[in-house]
Amino acid sequence: GDYIEDKDLAKFDVLDELLAEAGDQKVLLWDH
């Protein structure tokens, strides 16, 4: 329940990079 800005979530930066590498592939993002 804690609001964190995107700039404070390092996983988002890495996720951006991985998605850029995915190219035209379809992606499943898993979380619980």
PDB file of all heavy atoms in Angstrom:
ATOM      1  N   GLY A   1       0.789  -1.218   0.000  1.00  0.00           N
ATOM      2  CA  GLY A   1       0.000   0.000   0.000  1.00  0.00           C
ATOM      3  C   GLY A   1       0.821   1.267   0.000  1.00  0.00           C
ATOM      4  O   GLY A   1       0.281   2.361   0.093  1.00  0.00           O
ATOM      5  N   ASP A   2       2.135   1.162  -0.113  1.00  0.00           N
ATOM      6  CA  ASP A   2       2.983   2.342  -0.115  1.00  0.00           C
ATOM      7  C   ASP A   2       3.164   2.821  -1.551  1.00  0.00           C
ATOM      8  O   ASP A   2       3.534   2.047  -2.414  1.00  0.00           O
ATOM      9  CB  ASP A   2       4.348   2.021   0.510  1.00  0.00           C
ATOM     10  CG  ASP A   2       5.100   3.267   0.923  1.00  0.00           C
ATOM     11  OD1 ASP A   2       5.338   4.107   0.044  1.00  0.00           O
ATOM     12  OD2 ASP A   2       5.450   3.387   2.103  1.00  0.00           O
ATOM     13  N   TYR A   3       2.895   4.104  -1.806  1.00  0.00           N
ATOM     14  CA  TYR A   3       3.081   4.610  -3.157  1.00  0.00           C
ATOM     15  C   TYR A   3       4.549   4.961  -3.363  1.00  0.00           C
ATOM     16  O   TYR A   3       5.142   5.694  -2.579  1.00  0.00           O
ATOM     17  CB  TYR A   3       2.227   5.851  -3.444  1.00  0.00           C
ATOM     18  CG  TYR A   3       2.444   6.307  -4.857  1.00  0.00           C
ATOM     19  CD1 TYR A   3       1.844   5.632  -5.917  1.00  0.00           C
ATOM     20  CD2 TYR A   3       3.319   7.343  -5.144  1.00  0.00           C
ATOM     21  CE1 TYR A   3       2.076   6.000  -7.230  1.00  0.00           C
ATOM     22  CE2 TYR A   3       3.560   7.722  -6.447  1.00  0.00           C
ATOM     23  CZ  TYR A   3       2.941   7.046  -7.484  1.00  0.00           C
ATOM     24  OH  TYR A   3       3.195   7.401  -8.774  1.00  0.00           O
ATOM     25  N   ILE A   4       5.117   4.400  -4.397  1.00  0.00           N
ATOM     26  CA  ILE A   4       6.503   4.670  -4.752  1.00  0.00           C
ATOM     27  C   ILE A   4       6.508   5.203  -6.181  1.00  0.00           C
ATOM     28  O   ILE A   4       5.879   4.630  -7.066  1.00  0.00           O
ATOM     29  CB  ILE A   4       7.346   3.372  -4.695  1.00  0.00           C
ATOM     30  CG1 ILE A   4       7.324   2.753  -3.304  1.00  0.00           C
ATOM     31  CG2 ILE A   4       8.776   3.629  -5.145  1.00  0.00           C
ATOM     32  CD1 ILE A   4       8.098   3.500  -2.271  1.00  0.00           C
ATOM     33  N   GLU A   5       7.228   6.282  -6.410  1.00  0.00           N
ATOM     34  CA  GLU A   5       7.336   6.807  -7.765  1.00  0.00           C
ATOM     35  C   GLU A   5       8.170   5.855  -8.616  1.00  0.00           C
ATOM     36  O   GLU A   5       9.060   5.163  -8.112  1.00  0.00           O
ATOM     37  CB  GLU A   5       7.984   8.189  -7.734  1.00  0.00           C
ATOM     38  CG  GLU A   5       7.116   9.240  -7.061  1.00  0.00           C
ATOM     39  CD  GLU A   5       7.741  10.617  -7.126  1.00  0.00           C
ATOM     40  OE1 GLU A   5       8.491  10.890  -8.089  1.00  0.00           O
ATOM     41  OE2 GLU A   5       7.478  11.402  -6.203  1.00  0.00           O
ATOM     42  N   ASP A   6       7.901   5.862  -9.913  1.00  0.00           N
ATOM     43  CA  ASP A   6       8.609   4.971 -10.831  1.00  0.00           C
ATOM     44  C   ASP A   6      10.125   5.143 -10.752  1.00  0.00           C
ATOM     45  O   ASP A   6      10.871   4.179 -10.886  1.00  0.00           O
ATOM     46  CB  ASP A   6       8.140   5.190 -12.272  1.00  0.00           C
ATOM     47  CG  ASP A   6       6.746   4.636 -12.508  1.00  0.00           C
ATOM     48  OD1 ASP A   6       6.152   4.062 -11.567  1.00  0.00           O
ATOM     49  OD2 ASP A   6       6.248   4.769 -13.637  1.00  0.00           O
ATOM     50  N   LYS A   7      10.591   6.374 -10.509  1.00  0.00           N
ATOM     51  CA  LYS A   7      12.036   6.615 -10.456  1.00  0.00           C
ATOM     52  C   LYS A   7      12.697   5.867  -9.292  1.00  0.00           C
ATOM     53  O   LYS A   7      13.914   5.669  -9.293  1.00  0.00           O
ATOM     54  CB  LYS A   7      12.326   8.118 -10.361  1.00  0.00           C
ATOM     55  CG  LYS A   7      11.911   8.751  -9.043  1.00  0.00           C
ATOM     56  CD  LYS A   7      12.249  10.229  -9.014  1.00  0.00           C
ATOM     57  CE  LYS A   7      11.782  10.901  -7.735  1.00  0.00           C
ATOM     58  NZ  LYS A   7      12.335  10.355  -6.526  1.00  0.00           N
ATOM     59  N   ASP A   8      11.918   5.483  -8.287  1.00  0.00           N
ATOM     60  CA  ASP A   8      12.460   4.760  -7.137  1.00  0.00           C
ATOM     61  C   ASP A   8      12.281   3.244  -7.256  1.00  0.00           C
ATOM     62  O   ASP A   8      12.452   2.514  -6.282  1.00  0.00           O
ATOM     63  CB  ASP A   8      11.803   5.239  -5.836  1.00  0.00           C
ATOM     64  CG  ASP A   8      12.374   6.576  -5.379  1.00  0.00           C
ATOM     65  OD1 ASP A   8      13.518   6.888  -5.739  1.00  0.00           O
ATOM     66  OD2 ASP A   8      11.669   7.294  -4.647  1.00  0.00           O
ATOM     67  N   LEU A   9      11.916   2.790  -8.436  1.00  0.00           N
ATOM     68  CA  LEU A   9      11.747   1.349  -8.665  1.00  0.00           C
ATOM     69  C   LEU A   9      12.748   0.900  -9.722  1.00  0.00           C
ATOM     70  O   LEU A   9      12.496   0.998 -10.924  1.00  0.00           O
ATOM     71  CB  LEU A   9      10.310   1.045  -9.104  1.00  0.00           C
ATOM     72  CG  LEU A   9       9.258   1.278  -8.019  1.00  0.00           C
ATOM     73  CD1 LEU A   9       7.867   1.287  -8.605  1.00  0.00           C
ATOM     74  CD2 LEU A   9       9.378   0.239  -6.924  1.00  0.00           C
ATOM     75  N   ALA A  10      13.893   0.416  -9.266  1.00  0.00           N
ATOM     76  CA  ALA A  10      14.970   0.029 -10.187  1.00  0.00           C
ATOM     77  C   ALA A  10      14.538  -1.105 -11.116  1.00  0.00           C
ATOM     78  O   ALA A  10      15.019  -1.193 -12.247  1.00  0.00           O
ATOM     79  CB  ALA A  10      16.209  -0.372  -9.390  1.00  0.00           C
ATOM     80  N   LYS A  11      13.635  -1.943 -10.661  1.00  0.00           N
ATOM     81  CA  LYS A  11      13.180  -3.034 -11.520  1.00  0.00           C
ATOM     82  C   LYS A  11      12.499  -2.495 -12.780  1.00  0.00           C
ATOM     83  O   LYS A  11      12.554  -3.121 -13.831  1.00  0.00           O
ATOM     84  CB  LYS A  11      12.221  -3.964 -10.769  1.00  0.00           C
ATOM     85  CG  LYS A  11      12.913  -4.903  -9.810  1.00  0.00           C
ATOM     86  CD  LYS A  11      11.945  -5.924  -9.262  1.00  0.00           C
ATOM     87  CE  LYS A  11      12.650  -6.891  -8.329  1.00  0.00           C
ATOM     88  NZ  LYS A  11      11.740  -7.933  -7.855  1.00  0.00           N
ATOM     89  N   PHE A  12      11.868  -1.330 -12.677  1.00  0.00           N
ATOM     90  CA  PHE A  12      11.209  -0.756 -13.856  1.00  0.00           C
ATOM     91  C   PHE A  12      12.234  -0.397 -14.930  1.00  0.00           C
ATOM     92  O   PHE A  12      11.984  -0.585 -16.118  1.00  0.00           O
ATOM     93  CB  PHE A  12      10.381   0.461 -13.462  1.00  0.00           C
ATOM     94  CG  PHE A  12       9.012   0.127 -12.925  1.00  0.00           C
ATOM     95  CD1 PHE A  12       8.635  -1.174 -12.638  1.00  0.00           C
ATOM     96  CD2 PHE A  12       8.092   1.125 -12.712  1.00  0.00           C
ATOM     97  CE1 PHE A  12       7.375  -1.477 -12.153  1.00  0.00           C
ATOM     98  CE2 PHE A  12       6.810   0.836 -12.232  1.00  0.00           C
ATOM     99  CZ  PHE A  12       6.460  -0.468 -11.951  1.00  0.00           C
ATOM    100  N   ASP A  13      13.393   0.134 -14.524  1.00  0.00           N
ATOM    101  CA  ASP A  13      14.437   0.468 -15.500  1.00  0.00           C
ATOM    102  C   ASP A  13      14.919  -0.786 -16.227  1.00  0.00           C
ATOM    103  O   ASP A  13      15.082  -0.794 -17.444  1.00  0.00           O
ATOM    104  CB  ASP A  13      15.627   1.153 -14.813  1.00  0.00           C
ATOM    105  CG  ASP A  13      15.275   2.521 -14.251  1.00  0.00           C
ATOM    106  OD1 ASP A  13      14.333   3.151 -14.775  1.00  0.00           O
ATOM    107  OD2 ASP A  13      15.936   2.959 -13.296  1.00  0.00           O
ATOM    108  N   VAL A  14      15.141  -1.844 -15.467  1.00  0.00           N
ATOM    109  CA  VAL A  14      15.598  -3.105 -16.063  1.00  0.00           C
ATOM    110  C   VAL A  14      14.512  -3.681 -16.963  1.00  0.00           C
ATOM    111  O   VAL A  14      14.790  -4.181 -18.059  1.00  0.00           O
ATOM    112  CB  VAL A  14      16.002  -4.114 -14.959  1.00  0.00           C
ATOM    113  CG1 VAL A  14      16.335  -5.474 -15.544  1.00  0.00           C
ATOM    114  CG2 VAL A  14      17.179  -3.572 -14.158  1.00  0.00           C
ATOM    115  N   LEU A  15      13.288  -3.600 -16.515  1.00  0.00           N
ATOM    116  CA  LEU A  15      12.161  -4.089 -17.306  1.00  0.00           C
ATOM    117  C   LEU A  15      12.072  -3.341 -18.639  1.00  0.00           C
ATOM    118  O   LEU A  15      11.858  -3.961 -19.693  1.00  0.00           O
ATOM    119  CB  LEU A  15      10.877  -3.914 -16.506  1.00  0.00           C
ATOM    120  CG  LEU A  15       9.614  -4.589 -16.989  1.00  0.00           C
ATOM    121  CD1 LEU A  15       9.825  -6.061 -17.283  1.00  0.00           C
ATOM    122  CD2 LEU A  15       8.508  -4.421 -15.958  1.00  0.00           C
ATOM    123  N   ASP A  16      12.267  -2.034 -18.610  1.00  0.00           N
ATOM    124  CA  ASP A  16      12.273  -1.248 -19.846  1.00  0.00           C
ATOM    125  C   ASP A  16      13.316  -1.790 -20.824  1.00  0.00           C
ATOM    126  O   ASP A  16      13.054  -1.933 -22.027  1.00  0.00           O
ATOM    127  CB  ASP A  16      12.569   0.226 -19.553  1.00  0.00           C
ATOM    128  CG  ASP A  16      11.454   0.936 -18.798  1.00  0.00           C
ATOM    129  OD1 ASP A  16      10.336   0.388 -18.725  1.00  0.00           O
ATOM    130  OD2 ASP A  16      11.715   2.037 -18.272  1.00  0.00           O
ATOM    131  N   GLU A  17      14.504  -2.098 -20.321  1.00  0.00           N
ATOM    132  CA  GLU A  17      15.581  -2.616 -21.170  1.00  0.00           C
ATOM    133  C   GLU A  17      15.232  -3.982 -21.752  1.00  0.00           C
ATOM    134  O   GLU A  17      15.451  -4.236 -22.939  1.00  0.00           O
ATOM    135  CB  GLU A  17      16.882  -2.708 -20.367  1.00  0.00           C
ATOM    136  CG  GLU A  17      17.461  -1.366 -19.960  1.00  0.00           C
ATOM    137  CD  GLU A  17      18.614  -1.511 -18.978  1.00  0.00           C
ATOM    138  OE1 GLU A  17      19.161  -2.630 -18.844  1.00  0.00           O
ATOM    139  OE2 GLU A  17      18.980  -0.491 -18.350  1.00  0.00           O
ATOM    140  N   LEU A  18      14.698  -4.870 -20.921  1.00  0.00           N
ATOM    141  CA  LEU A  18      14.346  -6.209 -21.395  1.00  0.00           C
ATOM    142  C   LEU A  18      13.250  -6.150 -22.452  1.00  0.00           C
ATOM    143  O   LEU A  18      13.284  -6.903 -23.436  1.00  0.00           O
ATOM    144  CB  LEU A  18      13.919  -7.099 -20.225  1.00  0.00           C
ATOM    145  CG  LEU A  18      15.004  -7.455 -19.217  1.00  0.00           C
ATOM    146  CD1 LEU A  18      14.408  -8.253 -18.057  1.00  0.00           C
ATOM    147  CD2 LEU A  18      16.125  -8.252 -19.881  1.00  0.00           C
ATOM    148  N   LEU A  19      12.292  -5.260 -22.267  1.00  0.00           N
ATOM    149  CA  LEU A  19      11.219  -5.125 -23.251  1.00  0.00           C
ATOM    150  C   LEU A  19      11.746  -4.567 -24.561  1.00  0.00           C
ATOM    151  O   LEU A  19      11.312  -4.979 -25.640  1.00  0.00           O
ATOM    152  CB  LEU A  19      10.093  -4.257 -22.694  1.00  0.00           C
ATOM    153  CG  LEU A  19       9.279  -4.899 -21.564  1.00  0.00           C
ATOM    154  CD1 LEU A  19       8.314  -3.893 -20.962  1.00  0.00           C
ATOM    155  CD2 LEU A  19       8.536  -6.128 -22.060  1.00  0.00           C
ATOM    156  N   ALA A  20      12.707  -3.657 -24.489  1.00  0.00           N
ATOM    157  CA  ALA A  20      13.313  -3.127 -25.719  1.00  0.00           C
ATOM    158  C   ALA A  20      14.023  -4.239 -26.483  1.00  0.00           C
ATOM    159  O   ALA A  20      13.966  -4.297 -27.714  1.00  0.00           O
ATOM    160  CB  ALA A  20      14.282  -1.997 -25.375  1.00  0.00           C
ATOM    161  N   GLU A  21      14.660  -5.160 -25.742  1.00  0.00           N
ATOM    162  CA  GLU A  21      15.356  -6.290 -26.375  1.00  0.00           C
ATOM    163  C   GLU A  21      14.389  -7.318 -26.963  1.00  0.00           C
ATOM    164  O   GLU A  21      14.742  -8.056 -27.869  1.00  0.00           O
ATOM    165  CB  GLU A  21      16.257  -6.994 -25.354  1.00  0.00           C
ATOM    166  CG  GLU A  21      17.461  -6.195 -24.922  1.00  0.00           C
ATOM    167  CD  GLU A  21      18.220  -6.884 -23.794  1.00  0.00           C
ATOM    168  OE1 GLU A  21      17.982  -8.080 -23.530  1.00  0.00           O
ATOM    169  OE2 GLU A  21      19.057  -6.212 -23.170  1.00  0.00           O
ATOM    170  N   ALA A  22      13.166  -7.361 -26.457  1.00  0.00           N
ATOM    171  CA  ALA A  22      12.203  -8.373 -26.900  1.00  0.00           C
ATOM    172  C   ALA A  22      11.785  -8.187 -28.355  1.00  0.00           C
ATOM    173  O   ALA A  22      11.314  -9.126 -29.002  1.00  0.00           O
ATOM    174  CB  ALA A  22      10.970  -8.364 -25.991  1.00  0.00           C
ATOM    175  N   GLY A  23      11.943  -6.973 -28.855  1.00  0.00           N
ATOM    176  CA  GLY A  23      11.597  -6.730 -30.250  1.00  0.00           C
ATOM    177  C   GLY A  23      10.128  -6.992 -30.524  1.00  0.00           C
ATOM    178  O   GLY A  23       9.254  -6.463 -29.857  1.00  0.00           O
ATOM    179  N   ASP A  24       9.851  -7.865 -31.514  1.00  0.00           N
ATOM    180  CA  ASP A  24       8.470  -8.129 -31.910  1.00  0.00           C
ATOM    181  C   ASP A  24       7.851  -9.316 -31.172  1.00  0.00           C
ATOM    182  O   ASP A  24       6.740  -9.719 -31.471  1.00  0.00           O
ATOM    183  CB  ASP A  24       8.383  -8.370 -33.416  1.00  0.00           C
ATOM    184  CG  ASP A  24       9.123  -9.637 -33.847  1.00  0.00           C
ATOM    185  OD1 ASP A  24       9.950 -10.152 -33.059  1.00  0.00           O
ATOM    186  OD2 ASP A  24       8.875 -10.113 -34.968  1.00  0.00           O
ATOM    187  N   GLN A  25       8.568  -9.870 -30.202  1.00  0.00           N
ATOM    188  CA  GLN A  25       8.043 -11.015 -29.455  1.00  0.00           C
ATOM    189  C   GLN A  25       6.951 -10.578 -28.488  1.00  0.00           C
ATOM    190  O   GLN A  25       6.954  -9.463 -27.986  1.00  0.00           O
ATOM    191  CB  GLN A  25       9.168 -11.704 -28.675  1.00  0.00           C
ATOM    192  CG  GLN A  25      10.261 -12.271 -29.568  1.00  0.00           C
ATOM    193  CD  GLN A  25      11.334 -12.920 -28.740  1.00  0.00           C
ATOM    194  OE1 GLN A  25      11.180 -14.056 -28.294  1.00  0.00           O
ATOM    195  NE2 GLN A  25      12.421 -12.200 -28.508  1.00  0.00           N
ATOM    196  N   LYS A  26       6.045 -11.505 -28.222  1.00  0.00           N
ATOM    197  CA  LYS A  26       5.034 -11.264 -27.185  1.00  0.00           C
ATOM    198  C   LYS A  26       5.628 -11.639 -25.834  1.00  0.00           C
ATOM    199  O   LYS A  26       6.380 -12.609 -25.722  1.00  0.00           O
ATOM    200  CB  LYS A  26       3.775 -12.074 -27.464  1.00  0.00           C
ATOM    201  CG  LYS A  26       2.991 -11.551 -28.664  1.00  0.00           C
ATOM    202  CD  LYS A  26       1.606 -12.166 -28.713  1.00  0.00           C
ATOM    203  CE  LYS A  26       0.796 -11.539 -29.844  1.00  0.00           C
ATOM    204  NZ  LYS A  26      -0.637 -11.702 -29.641  1.00  0.00           N
ATOM    205  N   VAL A  27       5.242 -10.870 -24.811  1.00  0.00           N
ATOM    206  CA  VAL A  27       5.855 -10.991 -23.489  1.00  0.00           C
ATOM    207  C   VAL A  27       4.803 -11.293 -22.430  1.00  0.00           C
ATOM    208  O   VAL A  27       3.726 -10.699 -22.423  1.00  0.00           O
ATOM    209  CB  VAL A  27       6.598  -9.680 -23.135  1.00  0.00           C
ATOM    210  CG1 VAL A  27       7.148  -9.728 -21.714  1.00  0.00           C
ATOM    211  CG2 VAL A  27       7.709  -9.405 -24.135  1.00  0.00           C
ATOM    212  N   LEU A  28       5.163 -12.188 -21.520  1.00  0.00           N
ATOM    213  CA  LEU A  28       4.366 -12.438 -20.317  1.00  0.00           C
ATOM    214  C   LEU A  28       5.088 -11.780 -19.148  1.00  0.00           C
ATOM    215  O   LEU A  28       6.256 -12.073 -18.896  1.00  0.00           O
ATOM    216  CB  LEU A  28       4.240 -13.935 -20.038  1.00  0.00           C
ATOM    217  CG  LEU A  28       3.452 -14.749 -21.057  1.00  0.00           C
ATOM    218  CD1 LEU A  28       3.706 -16.225 -20.867  1.00  0.00           C
ATOM    219  CD2 LEU A  28       1.981 -14.454 -20.922  1.00  0.00           C
ATOM    220  N   LEU A  29       4.403 -10.870 -18.456  1.00  0.00           N
ATOM    221  CA  LEU A  29       4.939 -10.279 -17.233  1.00  0.00           C
ATOM    222  C   LEU A  29       4.245 -10.951 -16.061  1.00  0.00           C
ATOM    223  O   LEU A  29       3.025 -10.835 -15.907  1.00  0.00           O
ATOM    224  CB  LEU A  29       4.667  -8.781 -17.185  1.00  0.00           C
ATOM    225  CG  LEU A  29       5.562  -7.866 -17.994  1.00  0.00           C
ATOM    226  CD1 LEU A  29       5.187  -6.415 -17.742  1.00  0.00           C
ATOM    227  CD2 LEU A  29       7.015  -8.081 -17.671  1.00  0.00           C
ATOM    228  N   TRP A  30       5.015 -11.669 -15.255  1.00  0.00           N
ATOM    229  CA  TRP A  30       4.457 -12.412 -14.124  1.00  0.00           C
ATOM    230  C   TRP A  30       4.671 -11.654 -12.814  1.00  0.00           C
ATOM    231  O   TRP A  30       5.750 -11.112 -12.565  1.00  0.00           O
ATOM    232  CB  TRP A  30       5.133 -13.771 -14.000  1.00  0.00           C
ATOM    233  CG  TRP A  30       4.820 -14.742 -15.086  1.00  0.00           C
ATOM    234  CD1 TRP A  30       5.557 -14.981 -16.216  1.00  0.00           C
ATOM    235  CD2 TRP A  30       3.702 -15.629 -15.158  1.00  0.00           C
ATOM    236  NE1 TRP A  30       4.952 -15.960 -16.972  1.00  0.00           N
ATOM    237  CE2 TRP A  30       3.813 -16.368 -16.349  1.00  0.00           C
ATOM    238  CE3 TRP A  30       2.603 -15.856 -14.319  1.00  0.00           C
ATOM    239  CZ2 TRP A  30       2.894 -17.334 -16.730  1.00  0.00           C
ATOM    240  CZ3 TRP A  30       1.682 -16.809 -14.696  1.00  0.00           C
ATOM    241  CH2 TRP A  30       1.822 -17.543 -15.884  1.00  0.00           C
ATOM    242  N   ASP A  31       3.666 -11.650 -11.988  1.00  0.00           N
ATOM    243  CA  ASP A  31       3.760 -11.157 -10.616  1.00  0.00           C
ATOM    244  C   ASP A  31       2.631 -11.844  -9.859  1.00  0.00           C
ATOM    245  O   ASP A  31       1.773 -12.466 -10.482  1.00  0.00           O
ATOM    246  CB  ASP A  31       3.626  -9.631 -10.539  1.00  0.00           C
ATOM    247  CG  ASP A  31       4.249  -9.063  -9.270  1.00  0.00           C
ATOM    248  OD1 ASP A  31       3.681  -9.290  -8.183  1.00  0.00           O
ATOM    249  OD2 ASP A  31       5.300  -8.414  -9.353  1.00  0.00           O
ATOM    250  N   HIS A  32       2.633 -11.751  -8.553  1.00  0.00           N
ATOM    251  CA  HIS A  32       1.575 -12.424  -7.793  1.00  0.00           C
ATOM    252  C   HIS A  32       0.619 -11.441  -7.125  1.00  0.00           C
ATOM    253  O   HIS A  32      -0.285 -11.844  -6.417  1.00  0.00           O
ATOM    254  CB  HIS A  32       2.165 -13.400  -6.766  1.00  0.00           C
ATOM    255  CG  HIS A  32       3.162 -12.776  -5.842  1.00  0.00           C
ATOM    256  ND1 HIS A  32       4.458 -12.514  -6.223  1.00  0.00           N
ATOM    257  CD2 HIS A  32       3.050 -12.353  -4.573  1.00  0.00           C
ATOM    258  CE1 HIS A  32       5.108 -11.964  -5.224  1.00  0.00           C
ATOM    259  NE2 HIS A  32       4.280 -11.852  -4.211  1.00  0.00           N
TER     260      HIS A  32
END
